PDB file of N, CA and C in Angstrom:
ATOM      1  N   MET A   1       0.882  -1.213   0.055  1.00  0.00           N
ATOM      2  CA  MET A   1      -0.148  -0.084  -0.156  1.00  0.00           C
ATOM      3  C   MET A   1       0.573   1.484  -0.079  1.00  0.00           C
ATOM      4  N   LYS A   2       1.659   0.982   0.727  1.00  0.00           N
ATOM      5  CA  LYS A   2       2.624   2.338   0.795  1.00  0.00           C
ATOM      6  C   LYS A   2       3.392   2.403  -0.501  1.00  0.00           C
ATOM      7  N   SER A   3       3.530   1.554  -1.475  1.00  0.00           N
ATOM      8  CA  SER A   3       4.803   1.868  -2.348  1.00  0.00           C
ATOM      9  C   SER A   3       3.049   2.101  -3.688  1.00  0.00           C
ATOM     10  N   VAL A   4       2.109   2.261  -3.725  1.00  0.00           N
ATOM     11  CA  VAL A   4       1.116   2.251  -4.256  1.00  0.00           C
ATOM     12  C   VAL A   4       0.993   4.190  -4.257  1.00  0.00           C
ATOM     13  N   PHE A   5       1.158   4.472  -3.026  1.00  0.00           N
ATOM     14  CA  PHE A   5       0.966   6.116  -2.834  1.00  0.00           C
ATOM     15  C   PHE A   5       2.246   7.119  -2.928  1.00  0.00           C
ATOM     16  N   PHE A   6       3.311   5.808  -3.091  1.00  0.00           N
ATOM     17  CA  PHE A   6       4.571   6.353  -3.491  1.00  0.00           C
ATOM     18  C   PHE A   6       4.897   6.635  -4.996  1.00  0.00           C
ATOM     19  N   VAL A   7       4.086   5.696  -5.672  1.00  0.00           N
ATOM     20  CA  VAL A   7       4.376   6.259  -7.089  1.00  0.00           C
ATOM     21  C   VAL A   7       2.954   6.842  -7.708  1.00  0.00           C
ATOM     22  N   LEU A   8       2.062   7.178  -6.762  1.00  0.00           N
ATOM     23  CA  LEU A   8       1.389   8.258  -7.187  1.00  0.00           C
ATOM     24  C   LEU A   8       1.612   9.134  -6.944  1.00  0.00           C
ATOM     25  N   ILE A   9       2.408   9.710  -5.774  1.00  0.00           N
ATOM     26  CA  ILE A   9       3.121  11.144  -5.280  1.00  0.00           C
ATOM     27  C   ILE A   9       4.431  10.994  -6.729  1.00  0.00           C
ATOM     28  N   ILE A  10       4.624  10.077  -6.792  1.00  0.00           N
ATOM     29  CA  ILE A  10       5.949  10.142  -8.155  1.00  0.00           C
ATOM     30  C   ILE A  10       5.497  10.941  -9.348  1.00  0.00           C
ATOM     31  N   LEU A  11       3.885  10.423  -9.978  1.00  0.00           N
ATOM     32  CA  LEU A  11       3.285  10.412 -11.209  1.00  0.00           C
ATOM     33  C   LEU A  11       2.566  11.977 -11.106  1.00  0.00           C
ATOM     34  N   SER A  12       1.816  11.812  -9.813  1.00  0.00           N
ATOM     35  CA  SER A  12       1.332  13.432  -9.725  1.00  0.00           C
ATOM     36  C   SER A  12       2.294  14.878  -9.960  1.00  0.00           C
ATOM     37  N   SER A  13       3.333  14.335  -9.046  1.00  0.00           N
ATOM     38  CA  SER A  13       4.515  15.579  -9.247  1.00  0.00           C
ATOM     39  C   SER A  13       4.801  15.659 -10.645  1.00  0.00           C
ATOM     40  N   LEU A  14       5.131  14.956 -11.123  1.00  0.00           N
ATOM     41  CA  LEU A  14       5.810  15.279 -12.758  1.00  0.00           C
ATOM     42  C   LEU A  14       4.591  15.563 -13.716  1.00  0.00           C
ATOM     43  N   VAL A  15       3.234  15.146 -13.112  1.00  0.00           N
ATOM     44  CA  VAL A  15       2.613  15.796 -14.418  1.00  0.00           C
ATOM     45  C   VAL A  15       2.168  17.390 -13.624  1.00  0.00           C
ATOM     46  N   LEU A  16       2.290  17.811 -12.311  1.00  0.00           N
ATOM     47  CA  LEU A  16       2.295  18.874 -11.750  1.00  0.00           C
ATOM     48  C   LEU A  16       3.057  19.760 -12.644  1.00  0.00           C
ATOM     49  N   ILE A  17       4.046  19.365 -12.319  1.00  0.00           N
ATOM     50  CA  ILE A  17       5.728  20.349 -13.191  1.00  0.00           C
ATOM     51  C   ILE A  17       5.581  20.418 -14.224  1.00  0.00           C
ATOM     52  N   ALA A  18       5.003  19.610 -15.273  1.00  0.00           N
ATOM     53  CA  ALA A  18       4.461  19.672 -16.571  1.00  0.00           C
ATOM     54  C   ALA A  18       3.652  20.609 -16.711  1.00  0.00           C
ATOM     55  N   SER A  19       2.561  20.716 -16.079  1.00  0.00           N
ATOM     56  CA  SER A  19       1.641  21.244 -16.427  1.00  0.00           C
ATOM     57  C   SER A  19       1.982  22.804 -15.804  1.00  0.00           C
ATOM     58  N   VAL A  20       2.744  23.297 -14.906  1.00  0.00           N
ATOM     59  CA  VAL A  20       2.684  24.230 -14.622  1.00  0.00           C
ATOM     60  C   VAL A  20       3.933  25.213 -15.326  1.00  0.00           C
ATOM     61  N   LEU A  21       5.145  24.403 -15.653  1.00  0.00           N
ATOM     62  CA  LEU A  21       5.730  24.631 -17.011  1.00  0.00           C
ATOM     63  C   LEU A  21       4.961  25.111 -18.257  1.00  0.00           C
ATOM     64  N   LEU A  22       3.911  24.669 -18.637  1.00  0.00           N
ATOM     65  CA  LEU A  22       3.449  24.598 -20.152  1.00  0.00           C
ATOM     66  C   LEU A  22       2.138  25.728 -20.117  1.00  0.00           C
ATOM     67  N   GLN A  23       1.998  26.393 -18.722  1.00  0.00           N
ATOM     68  CA  GLN A  23       1.221  27.467 -18.490  1.00  0.00           C
ATOM     69  C   GLN A  23       2.030  28.931 -18.957  1.00  0.00           C
ATOM     70  N   SER A  24       0.996  29.751 -19.740  1.00  0.00           N
ATOM     71  CA  SER A  24       1.812  30.887 -19.514  1.00  0.00           C
ATOM     72  C   SER A  24       1.403  31.791 -18.566  1.00  0.00           C
ATOM     73  N   GLY A  25       2.398  32.767 -18.512  1.00  0.00           N
ATOM     74  CA  GLY A  25       1.911  34.038 -17.190  1.00  0.00           C
ATOM     75  C   GLY A  25       0.889  34.518 -17.162  1.00  0.00           C
ATOM     76  N   LYS A  26       0.051  34.742 -16.225  1.00  0.00           N
ATOM     77  CA  LYS A  26      -1.007  35.739 -16.567  1.00  0.00           C
ATOM     78  C   LYS A  26      -0.954  37.158 -16.893  1.00  0.00           C
ATOM     79  N   SER A  27      -0.001  37.761 -16.345  1.00  0.00           N
ATOM     80  CA  SER A  27       0.805  39.140 -16.232  1.00  0.00           C
ATOM     81  C   SER A  27       1.253  39.459 -17.586  1.00  0.00           C
ATOM     82  N   ALA A  28       1.275  38.079 -18.919  1.00  0.00           N
ATOM     83  CA  ALA A  28       2.209  38.826 -20.028  1.00  0.00           C
ATOM     84  C   ALA A  28       1.402  39.118 -21.357  1.00  0.00           C
ATOM     85  N   GLY A  29       0.909  40.069 -21.415  1.00  0.00           N
ATOM     86  CA  GLY A  29       0.033  40.648 -22.284  1.00  0.00           C
ATOM     87  C   GLY A  29      -1.185  41.204 -21.738  1.00  0.00           C
ATOM     88  N   LEU A  30      -0.809  42.184 -20.778  1.00  0.00           N
ATOM     89  CA  LEU A  30      -1.987  42.941 -20.213  1.00  0.00           C
ATOM     90  C   LEU A  30      -2.732  43.480 -21.201  1.00  0.00           C
ATOM     91  N   SER A  31      -2.047  44.330 -22.116  1.00  0.00           N
ATOM     92  CA  SER A  31      -2.876  44.868 -23.174  1.00  0.00           C
ATOM     93  C   SER A  31      -3.613  44.236 -23.620  1.00  0.00           C
ATOM     94  N   GLY A  32      -3.327  43.069 -24.431  1.00  0.00           N
ATOM     95  CA  GLY A  32      -4.101  42.194 -25.003  1.00  0.00           C
ATOM     96  C   GLY A  32      -5.496  41.767 -24.134  1.00  0.00           C
ATOM     97  N   SER A  33      -5.387  41.792 -22.781  1.00  0.00           N
ATOM     98  CA  SER A  33      -6.388  41.413 -22.205  1.00  0.00           C
ATOM     99  C   SER A  33      -7.647  42.087 -21.775  1.00  0.00           C
ATOM    100  N   ILE A  34      -6.697  43.571 -21.626  1.00  0.00           N
ATOM    101  CA  ILE A  34      -7.546  44.716 -21.423  1.00  0.00           C
ATOM    102  C   ILE A  34      -8.688  44.884 -22.796  1.00  0.00           C
ATOM    103  N   SER A  35      -8.123  44.911 -24.500  1.00  0.00           N
ATOM    104  CA  SER A  35      -8.855  44.806 -25.310  1.00  0.00           C
ATOM    105  C   SER A  35      -9.904  43.578 -25.560  1.00  0.00           C
ATOM    106  N   GLY A  36      -9.383  42.796 -25.475  1.00  0.00           N
ATOM    107  CA  GLY A  36      -9.729  41.192 -25.597  1.00  0.00           C
ATOM    108  C   GLY A  36     -10.838  40.545 -24.474  1.00  0.00           C
ATOM    109  N   GLY A  37     -11.003  41.341 -23.341  1.00  0.00           N
ATOM    110  CA  GLY A  37     -11.400  40.723 -22.099  1.00  0.00           C
ATOM    111  C   GLY A  37     -13.019  40.336 -22.539  1.00  0.00           C
ATOM    112  N   ALA A  38     -13.505  40.662 -23.046  1.00  0.00           N
ATOM    113  CA  ALA A  38     -14.891  40.095 -23.236  1.00  0.00           C
ATOM    114  C   ALA A  38     -14.957  39.051 -24.255  1.00  0.00           C
ATOM    115  N   GLU A  39     -14.165  38.623 -24.733  1.00  0.00           N
ATOM    116  CA  GLU A  39     -14.008  37.477 -25.553  1.00  0.00           C
ATOM    117  C   GLU A  39     -13.761  36.285 -24.821  1.00  0.00           C
ATOM    118  N   SER A  40     -12.939  36.920 -23.980  1.00  0.00           N
ATOM    119  CA  SER A  40     -12.445  35.525 -22.935  1.00  0.00           C
ATOM    120  C   SER A  40     -14.227  35.615 -22.115  1.00  0.00           C
ATOM    121  N   ILE A  41     -14.280  36.454 -21.568  1.00  0.00           N
ATOM    122  CA  ILE A  41     -15.549  36.282 -20.695  1.00  0.00           C
ATOM    123  C   ILE A  41     -16.779  36.091 -21.132  1.00  0.00           C
ATOM    124  N   TRP A  42     -17.300  36.178 -22.112  1.00  0.00           N
ATOM    125  CA  TRP A  42     -18.384  35.833 -23.024  1.00  0.00           C
ATOM    126  C   TRP A  42     -18.190  34.641 -24.340  1.00  0.00           C
ATOM    127  N   GLY A  43     -16.814  34.385 -24.474  1.00  0.00           N
ATOM    128  CA  GLY A  43     -16.903  33.800 -25.494  1.00  0.00           C
ATOM    129  C   GLY A  43     -17.776  32.191 -25.505  1.00  0.00           C
ATOM    130  N   LYS A  44     -18.153  31.938 -26.640  1.00  0.00           N
ATOM    131  CA  LYS A  44     -18.746  30.042 -26.329  1.00  0.00           C
ATOM    132  C   LYS A  44     -17.801  29.248 -26.220  1.00  0.00           C
ATOM    133  N   ASN A  45     -16.369  29.345 -26.117  1.00  0.00           N
ATOM    134  CA  ASN A  45     -15.240  28.129 -26.289  1.00  0.00           C
ATOM    135  C   ASN A  45     -14.542  28.652 -25.101  1.00  0.00           C
ATOM    136  N   LYS A  46     -14.995  29.051 -23.884  1.00  0.00           N
ATOM    137  CA  LYS A  46     -14.613  29.314 -22.433  1.00  0.00           C
ATOM    138  C   LYS A  46     -14.089  28.503 -21.876  1.00  0.00           C
ATOM    139  N   GLY A  47     -14.566  27.081 -21.924  1.00  0.00           N
ATOM    140  CA  GLY A  47     -14.511  26.028 -21.241  1.00  0.00           C
ATOM    141  C   GLY A  47     -13.707  24.968 -22.012  1.00  0.00           C
ATOM    142  N   ARG A  48     -13.220  24.985 -23.309  1.00  0.00           N
ATOM    143  CA  ARG A  48     -12.520  24.333 -24.046  1.00  0.00           C
ATOM    144  C   ARG A  48     -11.216  24.688 -24.536  1.00  0.00           C
ATOM    145  N   SER A  49     -10.836  25.908 -23.910  1.00  0.00           N
ATOM    146  CA  SER A  49      -9.185  26.469 -24.337  1.00  0.00           C
ATOM    147  C   SER A  49      -8.111  25.763 -23.832  1.00  0.00           C
ATOM    148  N   TYR A  50      -7.086  25.406 -24.360  1.00  0.00           N
ATOM    149  CA  TYR A  50      -5.610  24.942 -24.160  1.00  0.00           C
ATOM    150  C   TYR A  50      -5.321  25.631 -22.246  1.00  0.00           C
ATOM    151  N   GLU A  51      -6.065  26.879 -22.416  1.00  0.00           N
ATOM    152  CA  GLU A  51      -5.346  27.175 -21.095  1.00  0.00           C
ATOM    153  C   GLU A  51      -6.171  26.614 -19.519  1.00  0.00           C
ATOM    154  N   THR A  52      -7.676  26.501 -20.036  1.00  0.00           N
ATOM    155  CA  THR A  52      -8.633  25.913 -19.063  1.00  0.00           C
ATOM    156  C   THR A  52      -8.444  24.345 -18.725  1.00  0.00           C
ATOM    157  N   LEU A  53      -7.585  23.675 -19.956  1.00  0.00           N
ATOM    158  CA  LEU A  53      -7.385  22.092 -19.750  1.00  0.00           C
ATOM    159  C   LEU A  53      -5.946  22.204 -18.802  1.00  0.00           C
ATOM    160  N   LEU A  54      -4.921  22.990 -19.056  1.00  0.00           N
ATOM    161  CA  LEU A  54      -4.104  22.748 -18.310  1.00  0.00           C
ATOM    162  C   LEU A  54      -4.319  23.192 -16.568  1.00  0.00           C
ATOM    163  N   GLY A  55      -5.075  24.173 -16.693  1.00  0.00           N
ATOM    164  CA  GLY A  55      -5.665  24.701 -15.634  1.00  0.00           C
ATOM    165  C   GLY A  55      -6.417  23.760 -14.377  1.00  0.00           C
ATOM    166  N   LYS A  56      -6.928  22.947 -15.262  1.00  0.00           N
ATOM    167  CA  LYS A  56      -8.123  21.534 -14.825  1.00  0.00           C
ATOM    168  C   LYS A  56      -6.867  20.428 -14.345  1.00  0.00           C
ATOM    169  N   VAL A  57      -5.821  20.008 -15.009  1.00  0.00           N
ATOM    170  CA  VAL A  57      -4.914  19.472 -15.019  1.00  0.00           C
ATOM    171  C   VAL A  57      -4.268  19.916 -13.879  1.00  0.00           C
ATOM    172  N   THR A  58      -3.405  21.074 -13.444  1.00  0.00           N
ATOM    173  CA  THR A  58      -2.733  20.996 -12.175  1.00  0.00           C
ATOM    174  C   THR A  58      -3.520  21.061 -11.286  1.00  0.00           C
ATOM    175  N   THR A  59      -5.196  21.783 -11.237  1.00  0.00           N
ATOM    176  CA  THR A  59      -5.760  21.592  -9.966  1.00  0.00           C
ATOM    177  C   THR A  59      -5.512  20.035  -9.562  1.00  0.00           C
ATOM    178  N   ILE A  60      -6.139  19.288 -10.499  1.00  0.00           N
ATOM    179  CA  ILE A  60      -6.363  17.855 -10.243  1.00  0.00           C
ATOM    180  C   ILE A  60      -5.001  16.998  -9.768  1.00  0.00           C
ATOM    181  N   SER A  61      -3.744  17.378 -10.364  1.00  0.00           N
ATOM    182  CA  SER A  61      -2.215  16.815 -10.056  1.00  0.00           C
ATOM    183  C   SER A  61      -2.221  17.941  -8.503  1.00  0.00           C
ATOM    184  N   ALA A  62      -2.381  18.603  -8.175  1.00  0.00           N
ATOM    185  CA  ALA A  62      -1.964  19.009  -7.098  1.00  0.00           C
ATOM    186  C   ALA A  62      -2.837  18.566  -5.981  1.00  0.00           C
ATOM    187  N   ILE A  63      -4.232  17.938  -5.959  1.00  0.00           N
ATOM    188  CA  ILE A  63      -5.049  17.376  -5.233  1.00  0.00           C
ATOM    189  C   ILE A  63      -4.598  16.131  -4.947  1.00  0.00           C
ATOM    190  N   LEU A  64      -4.501  15.652  -5.908  1.00  0.00           N
ATOM    191  CA  LEU A  64      -3.594  14.364  -5.901  1.00  0.00           C
ATOM    192  C   LEU A  64      -2.433  14.057  -5.190  1.00  0.00           C
ATOM    193  N   PHE A  65      -1.594  15.024  -5.277  1.00  0.00           N
ATOM    194  CA  PHE A  65      -0.049  14.942  -4.587  1.00  0.00           C
ATOM    195  C   PHE A  65      -0.848  15.109  -3.354  1.00  0.00           C
ATOM    196  N   VAL A  66      -1.351  15.910  -2.862  1.00  0.00           N
ATOM    197  CA  VAL A  66      -1.690  16.035  -1.193  1.00  0.00           C
ATOM    198  C   VAL A  66      -2.179  15.078  -0.774  1.00  0.00           C
ATOM    199  N   ILE A  67      -3.278  14.537  -1.212  1.00  0.00           N
ATOM    200  CA  ILE A  67      -3.808  13.403  -0.726  1.00  0.00           C
ATOM    201  C   ILE A  67      -3.065  12.334  -0.738  1.00  0.00           C
ATOM    202  N   SER A  68      -2.156  12.013  -1.608  1.00  0.00           N
ATOM    203  CA  SER A  68      -1.374  10.736  -1.842  1.00  0.00           C
ATOM    204  C   SER A  68      -0.101  11.209  -0.757  1.00  0.00           C
ATOM    205  N   ALA A  69       0.451  12.286  -0.470  1.00  0.00           N
ATOM    206  CA  ALA A  69       1.342  12.708   0.732  1.00  0.00           C
ATOM    207  C   ALA A  69       0.670  12.540   1.710  1.00  0.00           C
ATOM    208  N   LEU A  70      -0.486  13.036   2.318  1.00  0.00           N
ATOM    209  CA  LEU A  70      -1.101  12.838   3.372  1.00  0.00           C
ATOM    210  C   LEU A  70      -1.324  11.428   3.882  1.00  0.00           C
ATOM    211  N   ALA A  71      -1.791  10.668   2.635  1.00  0.00           N
ATOM    212  CA  ALA A  71      -2.488   9.385   3.139  1.00  0.00           C
ATOM    213  C   ALA A  71      -0.658   8.384   3.472  1.00  0.00           C
ATOM    214  N   LEU A  72       0.358   8.716   2.819  1.00  0.00           N
ATOM    215  CA  LEU A  72       1.870   8.349   2.849  1.00  0.00           C
ATOM    216  C   LEU A  72       1.891   8.466   4.669  1.00  0.00           C
ATOM    217  N   THR A  73       2.194   9.778   4.991  1.00  0.00           N
ATOM    218  CA  THR A  73       2.011  10.171   6.254  1.00  0.00           C
ATOM    219  C   THR A  73       1.788   9.012   7.092  1.00  0.00           C
ATOM    220  N   ALA A  74       0.283   8.840   6.777  1.00  0.00           N
ATOM    221  CA  ALA A  74      -0.389   8.292   8.000  1.00  0.00           C
ATOM    222  C   ALA A  74      -0.271   7.214   7.994  1.00  0.00           C
ATOM    223  N   ILE A  75       0.310   6.214   7.001  1.00  0.00           N
ATOM    224  CA  ILE A  75       0.678   4.823   6.768  1.00  0.00           C
ATOM    225  C   ILE A  75       1.695   4.476   7.927  1.00  0.00           C
ATOM    226  N   LYS A  76       2.831   5.829   7.678  1.00  0.00           N
ATOM    227  CA  LYS A  76       3.837   5.245   8.709  1.00  0.00           C
ATOM    228  C   LYS A  76       3.618   5.153  10.143  1.00  0.00           C
TER     229      LYS A  76
END
């Protein structure tokens, strides 16, 4: 059981690192967000963009990492 959580920590940390590195900075392109803000808020593909997918992958891998780390410390 301990080895399962250890492997889960390794995999989730690798996915977390990759997803964070693939995301673009939020402050890059401030002028573009001012002029095109209505398109990103009211756009019809708001939930299907590449940034949204990376954000969801980052959130899920971070939650998996924390849960598996807590479970691994509870096993000891």
